[in-house]
Amino acid sequence: MDTENAPLPAGYYDVPANMLATIVTCLEMSAKPAPRLNPPADGLTVERWPSPSLEEYRALYRRVGEDWLWVSRAVMDDDKLMAIIQDPDVEIHALMRSGERLGLLELDFREAGQCELAFFGLDKSLIGSGAGRILMNAALDNAWEKPITRFWVHTCHLDHPAALAFYQRSGFTPYKRMVEIFEDPRQTGQLRADAASHFPVLHSK
């Protein structure tokens, strides 16, 4: 993700009805924070997922992200996506219960000395249950066992409203904001038309 961009001048900007605009917040940490205890696991485990197929990976990506308008991996070219998820410097983990994948954790070590928390998401049935803390503790443990000096993540206001505060409680500090504009995937058929009902579709007049 490119975080070096020209700043926008102050003012209002029209966003076409077929596009979405969101405020992206980037956060980082430079050392592993003090550990926070896991809540009762209720049968949940975090397991490394070394070789997901495209179909299985996209199914979990959609399961945890479609209602927050995650679209990048859903529409990415197959060869490009496969190159990422099979890269030895990209670690994919799944939150599991009774053999079912209920959460996605992706750690990207491709830039030397740092790790990006590329994707972090839960099945909506687990939001608010403490499962996010279990998955985040796994993220912190796996990231900081490598020789890194920076762990970073970005979120946006299309994500769950508690996401930004959760990242801050987990030890990340906000350092940058950006505006992202992209085509509304619900209008192109790339995501369900009724996804993300908290953020309404605008239809051209």
Protein backbone atom coordinates (compact mmCIF):
# COMPACT_ATOMS: atom_id res chain seq x y z
CA MET A 1 0.00 0.00 0.00
CA ASP A 2 1.42 3.39 -1.01
CA THR A 3 1.18 5.83 1.91
CA GLU A 4 3.15 8.62 0.22
CA ASN A 5 0.69 10.81 -1.66
CA ALA A 6 0.17 14.49 -2.42
CA PRO A 7 -2.01 16.21 0.22
CA LEU A 8 -5.48 17.46 -0.70
CA PRO A 9 -6.26 21.15 -0.15
CA ALA A 10 -9.04 22.02 2.31
CA GLY A 11 -12.54 21.92 0.87
CA TYR A 12 -15.43 19.72 -0.19
CA TYR A 13 -15.14 17.32 -3.13
CA ASP A 14 -17.96 15.67 -5.06
CA VAL A 15 -17.82 11.88 -5.14
CA PRO A 16 -19.63 10.26 -8.09
CA ALA A 17 -22.59 8.06 -7.14
CA ASN A 18 -20.78 4.94 -8.36
CA MET A 19 -17.74 5.64 -6.18
CA LEU A 20 -16.99 5.40 -2.46
CA ALA A 21 -14.79 7.71 -0.41
CA THR A 22 -13.31 6.72 2.93
CA ILE A 23 -10.89 8.11 5.48
CA VAL A 24 -7.95 5.75 5.99
CA THR A 25 -5.98 5.86 9.25
CA CYS A 26 -2.49 4.32 9.37
CA LEU A 27 -1.17 3.08 12.72
CA GLU A 28 2.17 1.66 13.84
CA MET A 29 4.19 0.39 16.79
CA SER A 30 7.96 0.13 17.21
CA ALA A 31 8.11 -2.48 19.98
CA LYS A 32 5.94 -5.30 21.22
CA PRO A 33 3.46 -3.98 23.80
CA ALA A 34 2.81 -5.50 27.20
CA PRO A 35 0.75 -8.66 26.78
CA ARG A 36 -3.01 -8.63 27.27
CA LEU A 37 -4.64 -11.80 28.53
CA ASN A 38 -6.79 -13.84 26.19
CA PRO A 39 -10.44 -14.18 27.13
CA PRO A 40 -11.89 -17.71 27.45
CA ALA A 41 -11.18 -19.41 24.15
CA ASP A 42 -14.53 -21.21 23.80
CA GLY A 43 -12.90 -23.72 21.49
CA LEU A 44 -11.17 -21.11 19.31
CA THR A 45 -7.60 -21.61 18.10
CA VAL A 46 -5.36 -19.64 15.75
CA GLU A 47 -3.65 -21.88 13.22
CA ARG A 48 -1.15 -21.20 10.45
CA TRP A 49 -2.71 -21.69 7.01
CA PRO A 50 0.32 -22.41 4.85
CA SER A 51 -1.16 -23.11 1.42
CA PRO A 52 -4.74 -21.87 0.99
CA SER A 53 -6.36 -22.38 -2.38
CA LEU A 54 -7.70 -19.30 -4.11
CA GLU A 55 -11.27 -20.50 -3.58
CA GLU A 56 -10.83 -21.17 0.15
CA TYR A 57 -8.92 -17.94 0.72
CA ARG A 58 -11.48 -15.79 -1.08
CA ALA A 59 -14.34 -17.54 0.72
CA LEU A 60 -12.89 -16.59 4.12
CA TYR A 61 -11.94 -13.11 2.88
CA ARG A 62 -15.54 -12.51 1.82
CA ARG A 63 -16.94 -14.07 4.98
CA VAL A 64 -15.08 -11.68 7.27
CA GLY A 65 -14.86 -8.65 5.00
CA GLU A 66 -17.81 -8.33 2.65
CA ASP A 67 -19.97 -6.40 5.12
CA TRP A 68 -17.09 -3.92 5.56
CA LEU A 69 -16.64 -3.55 1.78
CA TRP A 70 -13.37 -5.44 1.54
CA VAL A 71 -12.93 -5.86 -2.18
CA SER A 72 -9.25 -5.84 -3.19
CA ARG A 73 -8.59 -9.57 -2.89
CA ALA A 74 -12.03 -10.52 -4.18
CA VAL A 75 -11.32 -8.93 -7.57
CA MET A 76 -7.53 -9.28 -7.78
CA ASP A 77 -6.14 -11.23 -10.72
CA ASP A 78 -5.75 -14.91 -9.78
CA ASP A 79 -2.04 -15.09 -10.59
CA LYS A 80 -1.27 -11.92 -8.62
CA LEU A 81 -3.22 -13.10 -5.60
CA MET A 82 -1.66 -16.54 -5.69
CA ALA A 83 1.81 -14.99 -5.81
CA ILE A 84 1.02 -13.05 -2.63
CA ILE A 85 -0.58 -15.79 -0.56
CA GLN A 86 2.15 -18.28 -1.52
CA ASP A 87 5.02 -15.84 -0.90
CA PRO A 88 7.26 -17.19 1.91
CA ASP A 89 7.32 -13.70 3.46
CA VAL A 90 3.52 -13.62 3.81
CA GLU A 91 1.99 -15.55 6.72
CA ILE A 92 -1.70 -16.43 6.71
CA HIS A 93 -3.45 -17.68 9.84
CA ALA A 94 -7.05 -18.67 10.44
CA LEU A 95 -9.13 -18.48 13.59
CA MET A 96 -10.61 -21.95 13.89
CA ARG A 97 -13.36 -23.72 15.81
CA SER A 98 -14.40 -27.32 15.19
CA GLY A 99 -12.61 -27.30 11.82
CA GLU A 100 -14.37 -24.13 10.61
CA ARG A 101 -12.47 -20.98 9.63
CA LEU A 102 -13.99 -17.98 11.39
CA GLY A 103 -11.25 -15.36 11.21
CA LEU A 104 -8.46 -14.21 8.93
CA LEU A 105 -5.02 -12.93 9.96
CA GLU A 106 -2.47 -12.01 7.29
CA LEU A 107 1.05 -10.78 8.13
CA ASP A 108 3.19 -9.31 5.35
CA PHE A 109 6.96 -9.34 5.97
CA ARG A 110 7.96 -8.55 2.39
CA GLU A 111 9.52 -5.22 3.34
CA ALA A 112 12.71 -5.81 5.33
CA GLY A 113 12.58 -4.92 9.01
CA GLN A 114 8.83 -4.43 9.23
CA CYS A 115 5.52 -6.25 9.14
CA GLU A 116 2.18 -5.08 7.83
CA LEU A 117 -0.96 -6.41 9.43
CA ALA A 118 -2.43 -6.77 5.97
CA PHE A 119 -5.80 -8.33 6.87
CA PHE A 120 -7.50 -8.91 10.21
CA GLY A 121 -11.14 -9.90 10.38
CA LEU A 122 -13.73 -12.04 12.13
CA ASP A 123 -16.98 -13.69 11.20
CA LYS A 124 -19.66 -11.26 12.36
CA SER A 125 -20.99 -13.83 14.85
CA LEU A 126 -17.76 -13.45 16.85
CA ILE A 127 -17.55 -9.65 16.95
CA GLY A 128 -17.71 -8.50 20.56
CA SER A 129 -17.04 -12.00 21.92
CA GLY A 130 -13.35 -11.52 22.75
CA ALA A 131 -12.25 -13.49 19.70
CA GLY A 132 -10.58 -10.37 18.30
CA ARG A 133 -8.23 -10.26 21.29
CA ILE A 134 -7.27 -13.90 20.73
CA LEU A 135 -6.50 -13.18 17.08
CA MET A 136 -4.63 -9.94 17.86
CA ASN A 137 -2.46 -11.62 20.49
CA ALA A 138 -1.52 -14.19 17.84
CA ALA A 139 -0.74 -11.35 15.42
CA LEU A 140 1.54 -9.63 17.93
CA ASP A 141 3.31 -12.84 18.91
CA ASN A 142 3.94 -13.92 15.32
CA ALA A 143 4.98 -10.48 14.09
CA TRP A 144 7.42 -9.67 16.89
CA GLU A 145 9.10 -13.07 16.90
CA LYS A 146 10.69 -11.90 13.63
CA PRO A 147 13.55 -9.33 13.50
CA ILE A 148 11.34 -6.32 12.83
CA THR A 149 11.42 -2.76 14.15
CA ARG A 150 7.97 -1.69 12.94
CA PHE A 151 4.54 -3.30 12.88
CA TRP A 152 1.82 -1.34 11.11
CA VAL A 153 -1.79 -1.52 9.95
CA HIS A 154 -4.35 0.66 8.25
CA THR A 155 -8.09 0.84 8.79
CA CYS A 156 -10.86 3.04 7.46
CA HIS A 157 -14.26 4.32 8.52
CA LEU A 158 -15.97 1.64 6.40
CA ASP A 159 -14.60 -0.96 8.84
CA HIS A 160 -16.33 -1.91 12.07
CA PRO A 161 -16.77 1.28 14.15
CA ALA A 162 -14.76 -0.26 17.01
CA ALA A 163 -11.78 -1.20 14.82
CA LEU A 164 -9.70 1.96 15.25
CA ALA A 165 -10.05 2.00 19.05
CA PHE A 166 -9.28 -1.74 19.17
CA TYR A 167 -6.01 -1.22 17.29
CA GLN A 168 -5.06 1.59 19.65
CA ARG A 169 -5.81 -0.54 22.72
CA SER A 170 -3.61 -3.22 21.15
CA GLY A 171 -0.61 -0.88 21.10
CA PHE A 172 -0.79 0.79 17.69
CA THR A 173 -0.44 4.57 17.43
CA PRO A 174 -2.09 6.56 14.60
CA TYR A 175 0.39 8.50 12.46
CA LYS A 176 -1.27 9.34 9.13
CA ARG A 177 -4.66 9.89 7.47
CA MET A 178 -5.52 9.56 3.80
CA VAL A 179 -8.62 9.74 1.62
CA GLU A 180 -9.28 6.72 -0.59
CA ILE A 181 -11.78 6.81 -3.47
CA PHE A 182 -12.75 3.60 -5.24
CA GLU A 183 -15.57 2.15 -7.28
CA ASP A 184 -18.49 0.86 -5.21
CA PRO A 185 -18.19 -2.93 -5.63
CA ARG A 186 -21.90 -3.44 -4.89
CA GLN A 187 -22.78 -1.55 -8.06
CA THR A 188 -20.44 -3.61 -10.22
CA GLY A 189 -21.58 -6.98 -8.90
CA GLN A 190 -18.21 -7.66 -7.27
CA LEU A 191 -19.86 -7.78 -3.83
CA ARG A 192 -23.42 -8.50 -2.72
CA ALA A 193 -25.81 -5.66 -3.50
CA ASP A 194 -26.96 -5.65 0.14
CA ALA A 195 -23.48 -5.73 1.70
CA ALA A 196 -22.53 -3.02 4.20
CA SER A 197 -26.05 -1.76 4.80
CA HIS A 198 -24.59 0.80 7.23
CA PHE A 199 -23.12 2.62 4.22
CA PRO A 200 -25.89 3.17 1.65
CA VAL A 201 -25.54 2.75 -2.09
CA LEU A 202 -26.07 5.92 -4.09
CA HIS A 203 -27.78 5.40 -7.44
CA SER A 204 -27.20 7.87 -10.26
CA LYS A 205 -30.25 9.95 -11.13
